[in-house]
Amino acid sequence: MRLAAENQLAVAHFAIRSERASDIAAREALLDASFGTNRGLRTCQRLRDGRAPAEGLAFTAVRDDGPVGTVRLWHVKAGGRPALVLGPLAVDPSCRGLGIGAALMHHALSAAAERGHGAVILLGDAPWYGRFGFTAEKTTNLSLPGPFERARLLGLELSDGALDGACGMILPTGAPLTRRTAKPRRHPARAA
């Protein structure tokens, strides 16, 4: 029994650090594996298109063999209120169930609070995100720029009252992408 516990600890070993430019290709592959190659068509992608993640709020979970998890936060206005949108959060399928996703969530939320942000919004599964304090209570009067399931629009106040009275469309406000922050382009395969 002790050997099994020791093996699980060895398997679960990972670290969370700020995202690096060298992580981007692995991050894109991880997101494709987690959400499919059509992930760019999702409604929340409209909040990220052409924008850089919020400064200091893009993280990578790594193991000895490289990136195994990712999360980013993005600046938005939520019905006129400043907020962050979290996502996507992804963990390598071979590493799910090891606590990497929860660790990324705790790390990202702690970093956002330390930087003085008041609220985080996301589109996700209420049972999973609820354990971090996310609810639909403060998002009932908010909308996204595209189709979405109302019950999946969740918010978390990092400062009391940060989403009080928030009503209307969630719109991107983050810095535009620069050459330095742009993700790598995918080139279609050329015919031989």
N, C-alpha and C. Protein backbone atom coordinates (compact mmCIF):
# COMPACT_ATOMS: atom_id res chain seq x y z
N MET A 1 0.82 -1.19 0.00
CA MET A 1 0.00 0.00 0.00
C MET A 1 0.87 1.26 0.00
N ARG A 2 1.92 1.26 0.80
CA ARG A 2 2.80 2.42 0.87
C ARG A 2 3.47 2.67 -0.48
N LEU A 3 3.87 1.62 -1.18
CA LEU A 3 4.49 1.74 -2.48
C LEU A 3 3.54 2.42 -3.47
N ALA A 4 2.27 2.07 -3.45
CA ALA A 4 1.30 2.69 -4.34
C ALA A 4 1.19 4.18 -4.06
N ALA A 5 1.16 4.59 -2.79
CA ALA A 5 1.09 6.00 -2.43
C ALA A 5 2.34 6.74 -2.89
N GLU A 6 3.50 6.12 -2.72
CA GLU A 6 4.75 6.76 -3.16
C GLU A 6 4.77 6.91 -4.68
N ASN A 7 4.27 5.90 -5.40
CA ASN A 7 4.21 6.00 -6.85
C ASN A 7 3.28 7.12 -7.29
N GLN A 8 2.14 7.27 -6.62
CA GLN A 8 1.21 8.35 -6.97
C GLN A 8 1.85 9.70 -6.74
N LEU A 9 2.58 9.88 -5.62
CA LEU A 9 3.26 11.14 -5.38
C LEU A 9 4.29 11.42 -6.46
N ALA A 10 5.03 10.42 -6.88
CA ALA A 10 6.02 10.61 -7.93
C ALA A 10 5.33 11.00 -9.24
N VAL A 11 4.20 10.39 -9.55
CA VAL A 11 3.47 10.69 -10.77
C VAL A 11 2.91 12.11 -10.72
N ALA A 12 2.47 12.55 -9.55
CA ALA A 12 1.79 13.84 -9.42
C ALA A 12 2.75 15.03 -9.34
N HIS A 13 4.05 14.81 -9.31
CA HIS A 13 5.00 15.91 -9.17
C HIS A 13 4.94 16.85 -10.37
N PHE A 14 4.68 18.12 -10.12
CA PHE A 14 4.65 19.15 -11.16
C PHE A 14 4.91 20.50 -10.50
N ALA A 15 5.19 21.50 -11.32
CA ALA A 15 5.40 22.87 -10.83
C ALA A 15 4.57 23.80 -11.70
N ILE A 16 4.18 24.94 -11.12
CA ILE A 16 3.46 25.97 -11.87
C ILE A 16 4.36 27.18 -11.95
N ARG A 17 4.49 27.71 -13.15
CA ARG A 17 5.31 28.90 -13.36
C ARG A 17 4.63 29.81 -14.37
N SER A 18 5.14 31.02 -14.50
CA SER A 18 4.62 31.93 -15.52
C SER A 18 4.88 31.34 -16.90
N GLU A 19 3.93 31.55 -17.78
CA GLU A 19 4.08 31.06 -19.15
C GLU A 19 5.27 31.73 -19.81
N ARG A 20 5.99 30.96 -20.60
CA ARG A 20 7.14 31.45 -21.36
C ARG A 20 6.84 31.37 -22.85
N ALA A 21 7.53 32.17 -23.62
CA ALA A 21 7.36 32.12 -25.08
C ALA A 21 7.63 30.71 -25.60
N SER A 22 8.57 30.01 -24.99
CA SER A 22 8.90 28.65 -25.43
C SER A 22 7.78 27.64 -25.13
N ASP A 23 6.78 28.03 -24.34
CA ASP A 23 5.65 27.15 -24.02
C ASP A 23 4.54 27.19 -25.08
N ILE A 24 4.54 28.18 -25.93
CA ILE A 24 3.39 28.46 -26.78
C ILE A 24 3.02 27.29 -27.70
N ALA A 25 3.99 26.71 -28.38
CA ALA A 25 3.67 25.60 -29.30
C ALA A 25 3.08 24.42 -28.52
N ALA A 26 3.69 24.08 -27.38
CA ALA A 26 3.16 22.98 -26.56
C ALA A 26 1.78 23.34 -26.01
N ARG A 27 1.57 24.61 -25.66
CA ARG A 27 0.28 25.06 -25.17
C ARG A 27 -0.79 24.88 -26.23
N GLU A 28 -0.50 25.28 -27.46
CA GLU A 28 -1.47 25.15 -28.55
C GLU A 28 -1.82 23.68 -28.79
N ALA A 29 -0.83 22.81 -28.75
CA ALA A 29 -1.08 21.37 -28.94
C ALA A 29 -1.93 20.83 -27.79
N LEU A 30 -1.65 21.27 -26.57
CA LEU A 30 -2.41 20.84 -25.40
C LEU A 30 -3.87 21.29 -25.52
N LEU A 31 -4.09 22.54 -25.95
CA LEU A 31 -5.46 23.03 -26.12
C LEU A 31 -6.20 22.28 -27.22
N ASP A 32 -5.51 21.97 -28.32
CA ASP A 32 -6.13 21.18 -29.38
C ASP A 32 -6.54 19.81 -28.86
N ALA A 33 -5.64 19.18 -28.07
CA ALA A 33 -5.94 17.85 -27.53
C ALA A 33 -7.11 17.90 -26.55
N SER A 34 -7.23 18.99 -25.81
CA SER A 34 -8.28 19.11 -24.80
C SER A 34 -9.62 19.56 -25.37
N PHE A 35 -9.59 20.48 -26.34
CA PHE A 35 -10.83 21.10 -26.82
C PHE A 35 -11.12 20.88 -28.30
N GLY A 36 -10.19 20.28 -29.02
CA GLY A 36 -10.37 20.07 -30.44
C GLY A 36 -9.81 21.22 -31.27
N THR A 37 -9.57 20.95 -32.51
CA THR A 37 -8.96 21.97 -33.38
C THR A 37 -9.95 23.07 -33.77
N ASN A 38 -11.23 22.88 -33.50
CA ASN A 38 -12.22 23.93 -33.79
C ASN A 38 -12.47 24.83 -32.58
N ARG A 39 -11.60 24.75 -31.58
CA ARG A 39 -11.79 25.53 -30.35
C ARG A 39 -11.83 27.03 -30.60
N GLY A 40 -11.23 27.49 -31.68
CA GLY A 40 -11.24 28.91 -32.01
C GLY A 40 -12.61 29.45 -32.37
N LEU A 41 -13.58 28.55 -32.58
CA LEU A 41 -14.94 28.96 -32.92
C LEU A 41 -15.82 29.18 -31.70
N ARG A 42 -15.31 28.87 -30.52
CA ARG A 42 -16.12 29.00 -29.30
C ARG A 42 -16.36 30.47 -28.95
N THR A 43 -17.49 30.72 -28.32
CA THR A 43 -17.90 32.08 -27.98
C THR A 43 -16.85 32.83 -27.16
N CYS A 44 -16.29 32.20 -26.14
CA CYS A 44 -15.31 32.91 -25.31
C CYS A 44 -14.04 33.28 -26.06
N GLN A 45 -13.80 32.62 -27.19
CA GLN A 45 -12.64 32.98 -27.99
C GLN A 45 -12.77 34.41 -28.51
N ARG A 46 -14.01 34.90 -28.69
CA ARG A 46 -14.21 36.29 -29.15
C ARG A 46 -13.62 37.29 -28.15
N LEU A 47 -13.53 36.90 -26.89
CA LEU A 47 -12.96 37.78 -25.86
C LEU A 47 -11.44 37.75 -25.87
N ARG A 48 -10.85 36.76 -26.56
CA ARG A 48 -9.39 36.61 -26.59
C ARG A 48 -8.78 36.99 -27.92
N ASP A 49 -9.56 36.91 -28.99
CA ASP A 49 -9.04 37.18 -30.33
C ASP A 49 -8.35 38.53 -30.39
N GLY A 50 -7.12 38.53 -30.88
CA GLY A 50 -6.38 39.77 -31.08
C GLY A 50 -5.91 40.43 -29.81
N ARG A 51 -6.03 39.76 -28.67
CA ARG A 51 -5.65 40.33 -27.37
C ARG A 51 -4.56 39.51 -26.72
N ALA A 52 -3.78 40.17 -25.90
CA ALA A 52 -2.78 39.49 -25.09
C ALA A 52 -3.42 39.14 -23.75
N PRO A 53 -2.98 38.06 -23.12
CA PRO A 53 -3.48 37.76 -21.78
C PRO A 53 -3.12 38.90 -20.81
N ALA A 54 -3.83 38.99 -19.72
CA ALA A 54 -3.52 40.00 -18.70
C ALA A 54 -2.08 39.79 -18.23
N GLU A 55 -1.37 40.87 -18.08
CA GLU A 55 0.04 40.78 -17.71
C GLU A 55 0.23 40.02 -16.40
N GLY A 56 1.13 39.05 -16.43
CA GLY A 56 1.44 38.27 -15.25
C GLY A 56 0.41 37.23 -14.88
N LEU A 57 -0.58 36.99 -15.77
CA LEU A 57 -1.66 36.07 -15.44
C LEU A 57 -1.84 34.98 -16.50
N ALA A 58 -0.71 34.44 -16.95
CA ALA A 58 -0.69 33.29 -17.86
C ALA A 58 0.29 32.29 -17.26
N PHE A 59 -0.21 31.08 -16.97
CA PHE A 59 0.59 30.11 -16.22
C PHE A 59 0.65 28.76 -16.93
N THR A 60 1.76 28.08 -16.68
CA THR A 60 1.99 26.75 -17.24
C THR A 60 2.34 25.79 -16.12
N ALA A 61 1.71 24.63 -16.12
CA ALA A 61 2.10 23.54 -15.21
C ALA A 61 3.08 22.68 -15.99
N VAL A 62 4.21 22.37 -15.36
CA VAL A 62 5.26 21.59 -16.04
C VAL A 62 5.67 20.40 -15.20
N ARG A 63 6.05 19.36 -15.92
CA ARG A 63 6.69 18.19 -15.33
C ARG A 63 8.03 18.05 -16.03
N ASP A 64 8.78 17.06 -15.66
CA ASP A 64 10.11 16.89 -16.24
C ASP A 64 10.09 16.88 -17.76
N ASP A 65 9.05 16.32 -18.34
CA ASP A 65 9.00 16.21 -19.79
C ASP A 65 8.30 17.38 -20.47
N GLY A 66 8.00 18.46 -19.76
CA GLY A 66 7.46 19.67 -20.37
C GLY A 66 6.10 20.08 -19.86
N PRO A 67 5.45 21.03 -20.58
CA PRO A 67 4.15 21.54 -20.16
C PRO A 67 3.06 20.47 -20.14
N VAL A 68 2.28 20.46 -19.04
CA VAL A 68 1.17 19.52 -18.91
C VAL A 68 -0.14 20.23 -18.54
N GLY A 69 -0.09 21.54 -18.38
CA GLY A 69 -1.30 22.29 -18.05
C GLY A 69 -1.11 23.76 -18.36
N THR A 70 -2.23 24.44 -18.57
CA THR A 70 -2.18 25.86 -18.92
C THR A 70 -3.44 26.57 -18.44
N VAL A 71 -3.28 27.82 -18.09
CA VAL A 71 -4.42 28.69 -17.81
C VAL A 71 -3.98 30.13 -18.06
N ARG A 72 -4.91 30.92 -18.56
CA ARG A 72 -4.67 32.35 -18.80
C ARG A 72 -5.90 33.13 -18.33
N LEU A 73 -5.66 34.38 -17.97
CA LEU A 73 -6.75 35.31 -17.65
C LEU A 73 -6.63 36.52 -18.58
N TRP A 74 -7.78 37.12 -18.90
CA TRP A 74 -7.86 38.18 -19.91
C TRP A 74 -8.69 39.34 -19.36
N HIS A 75 -8.30 40.56 -19.69
CA HIS A 75 -9.06 41.74 -19.28
C HIS A 75 -10.34 41.87 -20.08
N VAL A 76 -11.44 42.16 -19.37
CA VAL A 76 -12.73 42.43 -20.00
C VAL A 76 -13.46 43.50 -19.19
N LYS A 77 -14.52 44.01 -19.79
CA LYS A 77 -15.53 44.79 -19.09
C LYS A 77 -16.77 43.91 -19.03
N ALA A 78 -17.26 43.68 -17.84
CA ALA A 78 -18.45 42.85 -17.64
C ALA A 78 -19.61 43.78 -17.34
N GLY A 79 -20.36 44.13 -18.39
CA GLY A 79 -21.45 45.07 -18.20
C GLY A 79 -20.93 46.40 -17.66
N GLY A 80 -19.78 46.82 -18.12
CA GLY A 80 -19.18 48.08 -17.70
C GLY A 80 -18.25 47.97 -16.50
N ARG A 81 -18.20 46.83 -15.86
CA ARG A 81 -17.34 46.61 -14.69
C ARG A 81 -16.03 45.94 -15.12
N PRO A 82 -14.88 46.40 -14.63
CA PRO A 82 -13.63 45.71 -14.97
C PRO A 82 -13.61 44.32 -14.34
N ALA A 83 -13.15 43.36 -15.10
CA ALA A 83 -13.07 41.98 -14.63
C ALA A 83 -12.03 41.24 -15.47
N LEU A 84 -11.84 40.00 -15.13
CA LEU A 84 -10.99 39.10 -15.90
C LEU A 84 -11.85 37.94 -16.36
N VAL A 85 -11.52 37.38 -17.53
CA VAL A 85 -12.12 36.14 -17.98
C VAL A 85 -11.03 35.09 -17.89
N LEU A 86 -11.36 33.96 -17.28
CA LEU A 86 -10.42 32.86 -17.13
C LEU A 86 -10.66 31.85 -18.23
N GLY A 87 -9.58 31.46 -18.88
CA GLY A 87 -9.68 30.38 -19.84
C GLY A 87 -8.78 30.56 -21.04
N PRO A 88 -8.61 29.52 -21.72
CA PRO A 88 -9.00 28.18 -21.33
C PRO A 88 -8.06 27.59 -20.28
N LEU A 89 -8.60 26.72 -19.49
CA LEU A 89 -7.85 25.92 -18.53
C LEU A 89 -7.79 24.52 -19.12
N ALA A 90 -6.59 24.00 -19.27
CA ALA A 90 -6.46 22.66 -19.86
C ALA A 90 -5.33 21.90 -19.18
N VAL A 91 -5.54 20.59 -19.07
CA VAL A 91 -4.54 19.68 -18.51
C VAL A 91 -4.36 18.54 -19.51
N ASP A 92 -3.12 18.15 -19.72
CA ASP A 92 -2.82 17.04 -20.62
C ASP A 92 -3.69 15.84 -20.22
N PRO A 93 -4.35 15.21 -21.20
CA PRO A 93 -5.22 14.07 -20.86
C PRO A 93 -4.53 12.98 -20.05
N SER A 94 -3.24 12.77 -20.24
CA SER A 94 -2.53 11.73 -19.49
C SER A 94 -2.26 12.13 -18.05
N CYS A 95 -2.51 13.40 -17.70
CA CYS A 95 -2.22 13.88 -16.35
C CYS A 95 -3.47 14.30 -15.58
N ARG A 96 -4.63 14.05 -16.14
CA ARG A 96 -5.87 14.43 -15.45
C ARG A 96 -6.05 13.58 -14.21
N GLY A 97 -6.65 14.16 -13.19
CA GLY A 97 -6.89 13.45 -11.94
C GLY A 97 -5.73 13.55 -10.96
N LEU A 98 -4.70 14.32 -11.31
CA LEU A 98 -3.55 14.47 -10.43
C LEU A 98 -3.58 15.78 -9.64
N GLY A 99 -4.62 16.59 -9.82
CA GLY A 99 -4.73 17.85 -9.09
C GLY A 99 -4.10 19.03 -9.81
N ILE A 100 -3.67 18.85 -11.04
CA ILE A 100 -3.00 19.93 -11.77
C ILE A 100 -3.99 21.05 -12.10
N GLY A 101 -5.19 20.70 -12.55
CA GLY A 101 -6.19 21.73 -12.88
C GLY A 101 -6.56 22.56 -11.66
N ALA A 102 -6.79 21.90 -10.53
CA ALA A 102 -7.13 22.63 -9.30
C ALA A 102 -5.98 23.51 -8.86
N ALA A 103 -4.75 23.01 -8.97
CA ALA A 103 -3.59 23.81 -8.59
C ALA A 103 -3.45 25.03 -9.49
N LEU A 104 -3.68 24.86 -10.79
CA LEU A 104 -3.64 26.00 -11.70
C LEU A 104 -4.71 27.03 -11.34
N MET A 105 -5.92 26.56 -11.00
CA MET A 105 -6.99 27.48 -10.61
C MET A 105 -6.60 28.28 -9.37
N HIS A 106 -6.15 27.58 -8.33
CA HIS A 106 -5.76 28.28 -7.10
C HIS A 106 -4.65 29.29 -7.37
N HIS A 107 -3.69 28.89 -8.16
CA HIS A 107 -2.55 29.77 -8.47
C HIS A 107 -3.02 31.01 -9.24
N ALA A 108 -3.84 30.81 -10.27
CA ALA A 108 -4.32 31.92 -11.08
C ALA A 108 -5.19 32.88 -10.27
N LEU A 109 -6.09 32.35 -9.46
CA LEU A 109 -6.96 33.21 -8.66
C LEU A 109 -6.17 33.98 -7.61
N SER A 110 -5.20 33.33 -6.99
CA SER A 110 -4.36 34.00 -6.01
C SER A 110 -3.56 35.12 -6.67
N ALA A 111 -2.99 34.85 -7.83
CA ALA A 111 -2.21 35.87 -8.53
C ALA A 111 -3.09 37.04 -8.95
N ALA A 112 -4.31 36.77 -9.41
CA ALA A 112 -5.24 37.84 -9.80
C ALA A 112 -5.59 38.71 -8.59
N ALA A 113 -5.85 38.08 -7.46
CA ALA A 113 -6.16 38.84 -6.23
C ALA A 113 -4.97 39.68 -5.79
N GLU A 114 -3.77 39.10 -5.84
CA GLU A 114 -2.56 39.83 -5.46
C GLU A 114 -2.33 41.05 -6.35
N ARG A 115 -2.75 40.98 -7.59
CA ARG A 115 -2.59 42.10 -8.52
C ARG A 115 -3.74 43.10 -8.42
N GLY A 116 -4.67 42.87 -7.50
CA GLY A 116 -5.74 43.82 -7.24
C GLY A 116 -6.96 43.71 -8.12
N HIS A 117 -7.11 42.62 -8.84
CA HIS A 117 -8.30 42.45 -9.68
C HIS A 117 -9.50 42.10 -8.80
N GLY A 118 -10.68 42.59 -9.20
CA GLY A 118 -11.86 42.43 -8.37
C GLY A 118 -12.74 41.24 -8.66
N ALA A 119 -12.71 40.75 -9.92
CA ALA A 119 -13.63 39.67 -10.29
C ALA A 119 -13.08 38.85 -11.43
N VAL A 120 -13.49 37.59 -11.45
CA VAL A 120 -13.13 36.66 -12.52
C VAL A 120 -14.42 36.00 -13.02
N ILE A 121 -14.55 35.93 -14.34
CA ILE A 121 -15.71 35.32 -14.98
C ILE A 121 -15.21 34.19 -15.87
N LEU A 122 -16.02 33.16 -16.04
CA LEU A 122 -15.67 32.09 -16.95
C LEU A 122 -16.92 31.41 -17.45
N LEU A 123 -16.75 30.62 -18.48
CA LEU A 123 -17.81 29.79 -19.01
C LEU A 123 -17.37 28.35 -18.78
N GLY A 124 -18.06 27.66 -17.86
CA GLY A 124 -17.62 26.31 -17.51
C GLY A 124 -18.64 25.54 -16.70
N ASP A 125 -18.22 24.37 -16.27
CA ASP A 125 -19.09 23.46 -15.51
C ASP A 125 -19.22 23.93 -14.07
N ALA A 126 -20.42 24.30 -13.67
CA ALA A 126 -20.68 24.81 -12.32
C ALA A 126 -20.21 23.85 -11.22
N PRO A 127 -20.45 22.54 -11.32
CA PRO A 127 -20.00 21.66 -10.23
C PRO A 127 -18.47 21.69 -10.03
N TRP A 128 -17.71 21.74 -11.12
CA TRP A 128 -16.25 21.74 -10.97
C TRP A 128 -15.75 23.10 -10.49
N TYR A 129 -16.21 24.19 -11.11
CA TYR A 129 -15.73 25.53 -10.75
C TYR A 129 -16.34 26.04 -9.45
N GLY A 130 -17.48 25.47 -9.05
CA GLY A 130 -18.11 25.88 -7.80
C GLY A 130 -17.22 25.67 -6.59
N ARG A 131 -16.38 24.67 -6.62
CA ARG A 131 -15.50 24.41 -5.47
C ARG A 131 -14.46 25.50 -5.26
N PHE A 132 -14.30 26.38 -6.27
CA PHE A 132 -13.38 27.52 -6.13
C PHE A 132 -14.14 28.80 -5.81
N GLY A 133 -15.47 28.69 -5.66
CA GLY A 133 -16.28 29.84 -5.30
C GLY A 133 -17.07 30.45 -6.44
N PHE A 134 -16.96 29.90 -7.65
CA PHE A 134 -17.69 30.45 -8.79
C PHE A 134 -19.17 30.08 -8.71
N THR A 135 -20.03 31.06 -9.02
CA THR A 135 -21.48 30.84 -9.06
C THR A 135 -22.06 31.65 -10.23
N ALA A 136 -23.31 31.38 -10.53
CA ALA A 136 -24.03 32.16 -11.55
C ALA A 136 -24.77 33.33 -10.94
N GLU A 137 -24.66 33.51 -9.64
CA GLU A 137 -25.41 34.54 -8.92
C GLU A 137 -25.18 35.95 -9.47
N LYS A 138 -23.94 36.33 -9.75
CA LYS A 138 -23.63 37.70 -10.18
C LYS A 138 -23.52 37.84 -11.69
N THR A 139 -23.80 36.77 -12.44
CA THR A 139 -23.67 36.84 -13.90
C THR A 139 -25.01 36.76 -14.62
N THR A 140 -26.10 36.73 -13.89
CA THR A 140 -27.42 36.52 -14.52
C THR A 140 -27.80 37.64 -15.49
N ASN A 141 -27.25 38.83 -15.31
CA ASN A 141 -27.57 39.95 -16.20
C ASN A 141 -26.45 40.26 -17.19
N LEU A 142 -25.53 39.32 -17.34
CA LEU A 142 -24.42 39.50 -18.28
C LEU A 142 -24.62 38.60 -19.49
N SER A 143 -24.05 39.01 -20.62
CA SER A 143 -24.12 38.25 -21.86
C SER A 143 -22.74 38.14 -22.48
N LEU A 144 -22.60 37.16 -23.36
CA LEU A 144 -21.37 36.96 -24.12
C LEU A 144 -21.63 37.26 -25.59
N PRO A 145 -20.59 37.59 -26.35
CA PRO A 145 -20.76 37.92 -27.78
C PRO A 145 -20.91 36.68 -28.65
N GLY A 146 -21.94 35.92 -28.41
CA GLY A 146 -22.21 34.69 -29.16
C GLY A 146 -23.05 33.76 -28.32
N PRO A 147 -23.38 32.60 -28.86
CA PRO A 147 -24.23 31.66 -28.11
C PRO A 147 -23.50 31.07 -26.91
N PHE A 148 -24.24 30.88 -25.83
CA PHE A 148 -23.68 30.26 -24.62
C PHE A 148 -24.83 29.73 -23.78
N GLU A 149 -24.49 28.78 -22.90
CA GLU A 149 -25.47 28.24 -21.97
C GLU A 149 -25.45 29.09 -20.71
N ARG A 150 -26.57 29.70 -20.40
CA ARG A 150 -26.67 30.63 -19.26
C ARG A 150 -26.12 30.04 -17.97
N ALA A 151 -26.44 28.78 -17.67
CA ALA A 151 -26.02 28.16 -16.41
C ALA A 151 -24.50 27.98 -16.32
N ARG A 152 -23.79 28.08 -17.44
CA ARG A 152 -22.34 27.91 -17.46
C ARG A 152 -21.57 29.22 -17.32
N LEU A 153 -22.27 30.36 -17.34
CA LEU A 153 -21.62 31.66 -17.17
C LEU A 153 -21.50 31.93 -15.67
N LEU A 154 -20.29 31.83 -15.16
CA LEU A 154 -20.03 31.88 -13.73
C LEU A 154 -19.11 33.03 -13.37
N GLY A 155 -19.24 33.52 -12.16
CA GLY A 155 -18.39 34.60 -11.69
C GLY A 155 -17.92 34.37 -10.27
N LEU A 156 -16.81 35.01 -9.96
CA LEU A 156 -16.22 34.98 -8.62
C LEU A 156 -15.73 36.38 -8.30
N GLU A 157 -16.22 36.94 -7.20
CA GLU A 157 -15.72 38.24 -6.75
C GLU A 157 -14.49 38.02 -5.88
N LEU A 158 -13.38 38.65 -6.28
CA LEU A 158 -12.18 38.63 -5.46
C LEU A 158 -12.22 39.78 -4.46
N SER A 159 -13.03 40.80 -4.78
CA SER A 159 -13.32 41.92 -3.88
C SER A 159 -14.83 42.01 -3.75
N ASP A 160 -15.31 42.11 -2.53
CA ASP A 160 -16.76 42.19 -2.31
C ASP A 160 -17.39 43.30 -3.14
N GLY A 161 -18.46 42.95 -3.84
CA GLY A 161 -19.22 43.93 -4.61
C GLY A 161 -18.66 44.23 -5.99
N ALA A 162 -17.58 43.56 -6.41
CA ALA A 162 -16.94 43.87 -7.69
C ALA A 162 -17.88 43.67 -8.88
N LEU A 163 -18.85 42.78 -8.75
CA LEU A 163 -19.80 42.55 -9.84
C LEU A 163 -21.21 43.05 -9.52
N ASP A 164 -21.36 43.78 -8.41
CA ASP A 164 -22.68 44.32 -8.07
C ASP A 164 -23.19 45.19 -9.22
N GLY A 165 -24.40 44.92 -9.65
CA GLY A 165 -25.04 45.71 -10.70
C GLY A 165 -24.50 45.48 -12.09
N ALA A 166 -23.61 44.51 -12.28
CA ALA A 166 -23.07 44.23 -13.61
C ALA A 166 -24.19 43.76 -14.52
N CYS A 167 -24.36 44.46 -15.63
CA CYS A 167 -25.46 44.18 -16.54
C CYS A 167 -25.04 44.53 -17.96
N GLY A 168 -25.21 43.59 -18.89
CA GLY A 168 -24.88 43.87 -20.28
C GLY A 168 -23.86 42.90 -20.84
N MET A 169 -23.25 43.31 -21.91
CA MET A 169 -22.31 42.46 -22.65
C MET A 169 -20.93 42.45 -22.00
N ILE A 170 -20.31 41.29 -22.02
CA ILE A 170 -18.91 41.15 -21.60
C ILE A 170 -18.08 41.42 -22.85
N LEU A 171 -17.20 42.41 -22.76
CA LEU A 171 -16.41 42.85 -23.91
C LEU A 171 -14.92 42.82 -23.59
N PRO A 172 -14.09 42.49 -24.58
CA PRO A 172 -12.65 42.47 -24.34
C PRO A 172 -12.08 43.87 -24.18
N THR A 173 -11.12 44.02 -23.29
CA THR A 173 -10.46 45.31 -23.10
C THR A 173 -8.95 45.17 -23.01
N GLY A 174 -8.44 43.97 -23.12
CA GLY A 174 -7.02 43.73 -22.96
C GLY A 174 -6.18 44.36 -24.05
N ALA A 175 -4.89 44.38 -23.80
CA ALA A 175 -3.94 44.94 -24.75
C ALA A 175 -3.96 44.14 -26.05
N PRO A 176 -3.85 44.84 -27.18
CA PRO A 176 -3.77 44.12 -28.46
C PRO A 176 -2.51 43.26 -28.52
N LEU A 177 -2.61 42.17 -29.26
CA LEU A 177 -1.43 41.32 -29.46
C LEU A 177 -0.36 42.10 -30.19
N THR A 178 0.86 41.85 -29.81
CA THR A 178 1.99 42.40 -30.53
C THR A 178 2.73 41.23 -31.14
N ARG A 179 3.69 41.50 -31.96
CA ARG A 179 4.48 40.43 -32.58
C ARG A 179 5.07 39.53 -31.50
N ARG A 180 5.48 40.13 -30.37
CA ARG A 180 6.10 39.38 -29.28
C ARG A 180 5.10 38.45 -28.59
N THR A 181 3.82 38.84 -28.52
CA THR A 181 2.84 38.05 -27.79
C THR A 181 1.96 37.19 -28.68
N ALA A 182 2.10 37.32 -29.99
CA ALA A 182 1.24 36.57 -30.90
C ALA A 182 1.54 35.08 -30.82
N LYS A 183 0.49 34.27 -31.01
CA LYS A 183 0.70 32.82 -31.01
C LYS A 183 1.22 32.41 -32.37
N PRO A 184 1.90 31.28 -32.44
CA PRO A 184 2.45 30.85 -33.73
C PRO A 184 1.33 30.55 -34.71
N ARG A 185 1.58 30.87 -35.96
CA ARG A 185 0.59 30.58 -37.00
C ARG A 185 0.68 29.14 -37.42
N ARG A 186 -0.45 28.59 -37.75
CA ARG A 186 -0.49 27.22 -38.26
C ARG A 186 -0.53 27.29 -39.77
N HIS A 187 0.34 26.57 -40.38
CA HIS A 187 0.39 26.55 -41.84
C HIS A 187 -0.23 25.26 -42.33
N PRO A 188 -1.16 25.36 -43.28
CA PRO A 188 -1.74 24.13 -43.81
C PRO A 188 -0.66 23.31 -44.51
N ALA A 189 -0.84 22.01 -44.50
CA ALA A 189 0.13 21.12 -45.16
C ALA A 189 0.12 21.43 -46.65
N ARG A 190 1.30 21.45 -47.20
CA ARG A 190 1.43 21.71 -48.64
C ARG A 190 1.37 20.40 -49.40
N ALA A 191 0.76 20.44 -50.55
CA ALA A 191 0.70 19.24 -51.40
C ALA A 191 2.09 18.95 -51.93
N ALA A 192 2.44 17.68 -52.02
CA ALA A 192 3.77 17.31 -52.49
C ALA A 192 3.90 17.41 -53.98
